[in-house]
Amino acid sequence: MSDASTARAIEALAAAIGDNVYLDVAKWHLYLRDAKLHTPLAEKLYPLVVGDKVTDAAVTDILAGTPVAIGGGQKTVTLADLVPAASKADLLEAIADYQRDL
């Protein structure tokens, strides 16, 4: 796959993620697209997707390994701490839909 086609594939995955997955902060839902976190997450997930290695555990590991700066960078938490279970289920569904469309 060329770099351009890989970039387009990652952008498509990022769009699917950004529109369906949110952070929950004090019962406020901030979609990953709005937080500008959809593309970095898609870049991390893409190798799993093309390698057909998407599992709940693998996605959880990626969320746990993705830091998010809060409070102007005063603290860092992981996406795993901010994405609720329902939104994680939406993430897994968005990935499955994306894989079906490949």
N, C-alpha and C. Protein backbone atom coordinates (compact mmCIF):
# COMPACT_ATOMS: atom_id res chain seq x y z
N MET A 1 0.85 -1.17 0.00
CA MET A 1 0.00 0.00 0.00
C MET A 1 0.89 1.23 0.00
N SER A 2 0.55 2.20 -0.83
CA SER A 2 1.37 3.40 -0.91
C SER A 2 1.12 4.30 0.30
N ASP A 3 2.05 5.23 0.49
CA ASP A 3 1.90 6.16 1.61
C ASP A 3 0.62 6.97 1.48
N ALA A 4 0.27 7.37 0.26
CA ALA A 4 -0.93 8.17 0.05
C ALA A 4 -2.19 7.35 0.35
N SER A 5 -2.21 6.11 -0.08
CA SER A 5 -3.39 5.29 0.19
C SER A 5 -3.48 4.92 1.67
N THR A 6 -2.33 4.73 2.31
CA THR A 6 -2.33 4.48 3.75
C THR A 6 -2.85 5.71 4.50
N ALA A 7 -2.41 6.89 4.08
CA ALA A 7 -2.87 8.12 4.72
C ALA A 7 -4.38 8.28 4.56
N ARG A 8 -4.90 7.97 3.36
CA ARG A 8 -6.36 8.06 3.14
C ARG A 8 -7.10 7.04 4.00
N ALA A 9 -6.54 5.85 4.13
CA ALA A 9 -7.16 4.81 4.95
C ALA A 9 -7.20 5.24 6.42
N ILE A 10 -6.12 5.82 6.89
CA ILE A 10 -6.07 6.29 8.27
C ILE A 10 -7.05 7.44 8.47
N GLU A 11 -7.15 8.33 7.49
CA GLU A 11 -8.12 9.43 7.58
C GLU A 11 -9.54 8.90 7.65
N ALA A 12 -9.85 7.87 6.88
CA ALA A 12 -11.19 7.28 6.90
C ALA A 12 -11.48 6.63 8.25
N LEU A 13 -10.49 5.93 8.80
CA LEU A 13 -10.65 5.33 10.12
C LEU A 13 -10.81 6.42 11.17
N ALA A 14 -10.02 7.48 11.06
CA ALA A 14 -10.11 8.60 12.00
C ALA A 14 -11.49 9.24 11.96
N ALA A 15 -12.06 9.39 10.76
CA ALA A 15 -13.39 9.98 10.63
C ALA A 15 -14.43 9.11 11.32
N ALA A 16 -14.32 7.79 11.14
CA ALA A 16 -15.27 6.88 11.78
C ALA A 16 -15.14 6.94 13.31
N ILE A 17 -13.92 7.04 13.78
CA ILE A 17 -13.68 7.11 15.22
C ILE A 17 -14.16 8.45 15.77
N GLY A 18 -13.79 9.52 15.10
CA GLY A 18 -14.09 10.87 15.59
C GLY A 18 -15.56 11.16 15.72
N ASP A 19 -16.36 10.53 14.88
CA ASP A 19 -17.80 10.77 14.90
C ASP A 19 -18.55 9.88 15.88
N ASN A 20 -17.89 8.86 16.41
CA ASN A 20 -18.59 7.87 17.23
C ASN A 20 -18.06 7.71 18.65
N VAL A 21 -16.85 8.15 18.91
CA VAL A 21 -16.21 7.89 20.20
C VAL A 21 -16.03 9.21 20.93
N TYR A 22 -16.34 9.18 22.23
CA TYR A 22 -16.24 10.41 23.01
C TYR A 22 -15.52 10.18 24.32
N LEU A 23 -15.01 11.27 24.87
CA LEU A 23 -14.46 11.32 26.21
C LEU A 23 -15.60 11.74 27.13
N ASP A 24 -15.60 11.26 28.33
CA ASP A 24 -16.60 11.68 29.31
C ASP A 24 -15.86 12.39 30.44
N VAL A 25 -16.12 13.68 30.56
CA VAL A 25 -15.50 14.48 31.62
C VAL A 25 -16.63 15.19 32.35
N ALA A 26 -16.86 14.81 33.58
CA ALA A 26 -17.92 15.40 34.40
C ALA A 26 -19.26 15.35 33.67
N LYS A 27 -19.54 14.20 33.04
CA LYS A 27 -20.77 13.94 32.30
C LYS A 27 -20.91 14.77 31.03
N TRP A 28 -19.83 15.42 30.63
CA TRP A 28 -19.79 16.11 29.34
C TRP A 28 -19.18 15.15 28.33
N HIS A 29 -19.78 15.05 27.17
CA HIS A 29 -19.26 14.19 26.12
C HIS A 29 -18.52 15.04 25.10
N LEU A 30 -17.25 14.78 24.97
CA LEU A 30 -16.40 15.47 24.01
C LEU A 30 -15.93 14.43 23.01
N TYR A 31 -16.44 14.56 21.77
CA TYR A 31 -16.08 13.60 20.74
C TYR A 31 -14.61 13.75 20.36
N LEU A 32 -13.98 12.62 20.04
CA LEU A 32 -12.55 12.63 19.75
C LEU A 32 -12.22 13.56 18.59
N ARG A 33 -13.13 13.70 17.63
CA ARG A 33 -12.93 14.64 16.52
C ARG A 33 -12.75 16.05 17.06
N ASP A 34 -13.61 16.45 17.98
CA ASP A 34 -13.55 17.80 18.54
C ASP A 34 -12.33 18.00 19.42
N ALA A 35 -11.87 16.92 20.04
CA ALA A 35 -10.67 16.99 20.89
C ALA A 35 -9.39 16.83 20.09
N LYS A 36 -9.53 16.61 18.78
CA LYS A 36 -8.38 16.42 17.87
C LYS A 36 -7.56 15.18 18.25
N LEU A 37 -8.24 14.17 18.77
CA LEU A 37 -7.57 12.94 19.16
C LEU A 37 -7.89 11.77 18.23
N HIS A 38 -8.80 11.98 17.29
CA HIS A 38 -9.22 10.89 16.41
C HIS A 38 -8.11 10.42 15.47
N THR A 39 -7.33 11.33 14.92
CA THR A 39 -6.27 10.93 14.00
C THR A 39 -5.11 10.24 14.71
N PRO A 40 -4.60 10.77 15.83
CA PRO A 40 -3.54 10.03 16.53
C PRO A 40 -3.98 8.63 16.96
N LEU A 41 -5.24 8.50 17.38
CA LEU A 41 -5.73 7.19 17.77
C LEU A 41 -5.83 6.27 16.56
N ALA A 42 -6.33 6.79 15.45
CA ALA A 42 -6.43 5.99 14.22
C ALA A 42 -5.06 5.52 13.76
N GLU A 43 -4.05 6.36 13.89
CA GLU A 43 -2.69 5.98 13.50
C GLU A 43 -2.19 4.80 14.34
N LYS A 44 -2.57 4.77 15.61
CA LYS A 44 -2.16 3.68 16.48
C LYS A 44 -2.96 2.41 16.22
N LEU A 45 -4.23 2.58 15.87
CA LEU A 45 -5.10 1.43 15.65
C LEU A 45 -4.94 0.80 14.27
N TYR A 46 -4.51 1.59 13.30
CA TYR A 46 -4.45 1.11 11.92
C TYR A 46 -3.64 -0.18 11.75
N PRO A 47 -2.47 -0.32 12.36
CA PRO A 47 -1.74 -1.59 12.20
C PRO A 47 -2.53 -2.80 12.71
N LEU A 48 -3.31 -2.62 13.75
CA LEU A 48 -4.16 -3.71 14.23
C LEU A 48 -5.23 -4.06 13.21
N VAL A 49 -5.79 -3.01 12.60
CA VAL A 49 -6.88 -3.20 11.65
C VAL A 49 -6.39 -3.96 10.42
N VAL A 50 -5.30 -3.52 9.84
CA VAL A 50 -4.81 -4.17 8.62
C VAL A 50 -4.19 -5.54 8.93
N GLY A 51 -3.72 -5.74 10.14
CA GLY A 51 -3.17 -7.02 10.54
C GLY A 51 -4.24 -7.97 11.06
N ASP A 52 -5.49 -7.50 11.06
CA ASP A 52 -6.63 -8.29 11.55
C ASP A 52 -6.36 -8.79 12.97
N LYS A 53 -5.84 -7.89 13.81
CA LYS A 53 -5.51 -8.24 15.18
C LYS A 53 -6.29 -7.39 16.19
N VAL A 54 -7.46 -6.91 15.78
CA VAL A 54 -8.27 -6.08 16.66
C VAL A 54 -8.97 -6.97 17.68
N THR A 55 -8.63 -6.74 18.94
CA THR A 55 -9.31 -7.42 20.04
C THR A 55 -9.62 -6.36 21.09
N ASP A 56 -10.51 -6.70 21.98
CA ASP A 56 -10.84 -5.78 23.06
C ASP A 56 -9.59 -5.44 23.86
N ALA A 57 -8.78 -6.44 24.15
CA ALA A 57 -7.55 -6.23 24.93
C ALA A 57 -6.56 -5.35 24.20
N ALA A 58 -6.40 -5.56 22.90
CA ALA A 58 -5.46 -4.75 22.12
C ALA A 58 -5.90 -3.29 22.07
N VAL A 59 -7.19 -3.07 21.89
CA VAL A 59 -7.72 -1.70 21.86
C VAL A 59 -7.56 -1.06 23.24
N THR A 60 -7.83 -1.81 24.28
CA THR A 60 -7.65 -1.29 25.65
C THR A 60 -6.20 -0.90 25.89
N ASP A 61 -5.27 -1.71 25.42
CA ASP A 61 -3.85 -1.38 25.57
C ASP A 61 -3.50 -0.09 24.85
N ILE A 62 -4.05 0.10 23.67
CA ILE A 62 -3.76 1.33 22.93
C ILE A 62 -4.37 2.53 23.64
N LEU A 63 -5.59 2.40 24.14
CA LEU A 63 -6.20 3.50 24.89
C LEU A 63 -5.38 3.81 26.14
N ALA A 64 -4.90 2.77 26.80
CA ALA A 64 -4.10 2.97 28.02
C ALA A 64 -2.74 3.59 27.72
N GLY A 65 -2.26 3.41 26.50
CA GLY A 65 -0.96 3.96 26.12
C GLY A 65 -1.04 5.28 25.38
N THR A 66 -2.23 5.87 25.35
CA THR A 66 -2.41 7.15 24.65
C THR A 66 -2.65 8.25 25.68
N PRO A 67 -1.64 9.07 25.94
CA PRO A 67 -1.78 10.12 26.94
C PRO A 67 -2.57 11.32 26.42
N VAL A 68 -3.29 11.95 27.34
CA VAL A 68 -4.05 13.16 27.03
C VAL A 68 -3.69 14.20 28.07
N ALA A 69 -3.17 15.33 27.61
CA ALA A 69 -2.82 16.42 28.53
C ALA A 69 -4.09 17.17 28.91
N ILE A 70 -4.26 17.43 30.19
CA ILE A 70 -5.41 18.20 30.66
C ILE A 70 -4.92 19.34 31.54
N GLY A 71 -5.78 20.31 31.72
CA GLY A 71 -5.42 21.45 32.57
C GLY A 71 -4.24 22.23 32.04
N GLY A 72 -4.21 22.41 30.71
CA GLY A 72 -3.10 23.15 30.12
C GLY A 72 -1.78 22.41 30.25
N GLY A 73 -1.86 21.09 30.34
CA GLY A 73 -0.65 20.28 30.43
C GLY A 73 -0.18 20.03 31.85
N GLN A 74 -0.97 20.48 32.83
CA GLN A 74 -0.58 20.27 34.22
C GLN A 74 -0.65 18.81 34.63
N LYS A 75 -1.54 18.07 33.98
CA LYS A 75 -1.70 16.64 34.27
C LYS A 75 -1.85 15.89 32.96
N THR A 76 -1.55 14.62 33.02
CA THR A 76 -1.75 13.75 31.87
C THR A 76 -2.53 12.53 32.35
N VAL A 77 -3.56 12.20 31.60
CA VAL A 77 -4.32 10.97 31.85
C VAL A 77 -4.37 10.20 30.54
N THR A 78 -4.79 8.98 30.59
CA THR A 78 -4.84 8.19 29.37
C THR A 78 -6.26 8.20 28.80
N LEU A 79 -6.34 7.88 27.52
CA LEU A 79 -7.67 7.75 26.91
C LEU A 79 -8.48 6.67 27.62
N ALA A 80 -7.82 5.64 28.11
CA ALA A 80 -8.54 4.59 28.83
C ALA A 80 -9.25 5.14 30.05
N ASP A 81 -8.70 6.18 30.66
CA ASP A 81 -9.33 6.80 31.83
C ASP A 81 -10.49 7.70 31.45
N LEU A 82 -10.53 8.16 30.21
CA LEU A 82 -11.52 9.14 29.79
C LEU A 82 -12.64 8.58 28.91
N VAL A 83 -12.39 7.44 28.28
CA VAL A 83 -13.39 6.86 27.39
C VAL A 83 -14.22 5.86 28.20
N PRO A 84 -15.52 6.13 28.39
CA PRO A 84 -16.35 5.20 29.15
C PRO A 84 -16.61 3.90 28.38
N ALA A 85 -17.09 2.90 29.08
CA ALA A 85 -17.31 1.58 28.48
C ALA A 85 -18.23 1.65 27.26
N ALA A 86 -19.28 2.45 27.33
CA ALA A 86 -20.21 2.55 26.19
C ALA A 86 -19.52 3.12 24.97
N SER A 87 -18.67 4.10 25.18
CA SER A 87 -17.96 4.71 24.07
C SER A 87 -16.87 3.77 23.53
N LYS A 88 -16.28 2.98 24.41
CA LYS A 88 -15.30 1.98 23.96
C LYS A 88 -16.00 0.94 23.08
N ALA A 89 -17.21 0.57 23.45
CA ALA A 89 -17.99 -0.35 22.62
C ALA A 89 -18.27 0.28 21.26
N ASP A 90 -18.56 1.59 21.25
CA ASP A 90 -18.76 2.31 19.99
C ASP A 90 -17.47 2.30 19.16
N LEU A 91 -16.33 2.42 19.82
CA LEU A 91 -15.04 2.37 19.13
C LEU A 91 -14.84 1.01 18.46
N LEU A 92 -15.09 -0.05 19.19
CA LEU A 92 -14.94 -1.39 18.63
C LEU A 92 -15.91 -1.61 17.46
N GLU A 93 -17.11 -1.08 17.58
CA GLU A 93 -18.08 -1.19 16.49
C GLU A 93 -17.64 -0.38 15.27
N ALA A 94 -17.11 0.81 15.50
CA ALA A 94 -16.63 1.64 14.39
C ALA A 94 -15.48 0.96 13.66
N ILE A 95 -14.60 0.32 14.42
CA ILE A 95 -13.48 -0.41 13.81
C ILE A 95 -14.01 -1.59 12.99
N ALA A 96 -14.97 -2.33 13.55
CA ALA A 96 -15.55 -3.47 12.83
C ALA A 96 -16.23 -3.02 11.54
N ASP A 97 -16.96 -1.91 11.61
CA ASP A 97 -17.61 -1.37 10.41
C ASP A 97 -16.57 -0.97 9.37
N TYR A 98 -15.51 -0.34 9.83
CA TYR A 98 -14.43 0.09 8.93
C TYR A 98 -13.80 -1.14 8.25
N GLN A 99 -13.55 -2.18 9.05
CA GLN A 99 -12.94 -3.40 8.49
C GLN A 99 -13.88 -4.05 7.45
N ARG A 100 -15.17 -4.04 7.69
CA ARG A 100 -16.11 -4.61 6.73
C ARG A 100 -16.09 -3.86 5.41
N ASP A 101 -15.84 -2.54 5.49
CA ASP A 101 -15.85 -1.71 4.28
C ASP A 101 -14.54 -1.77 3.50
N LEU A 102 -13.52 -2.40 4.07
CA LEU A 102 -12.22 -2.49 3.37
C LEU A 102 -12.32 -3.33 2.13
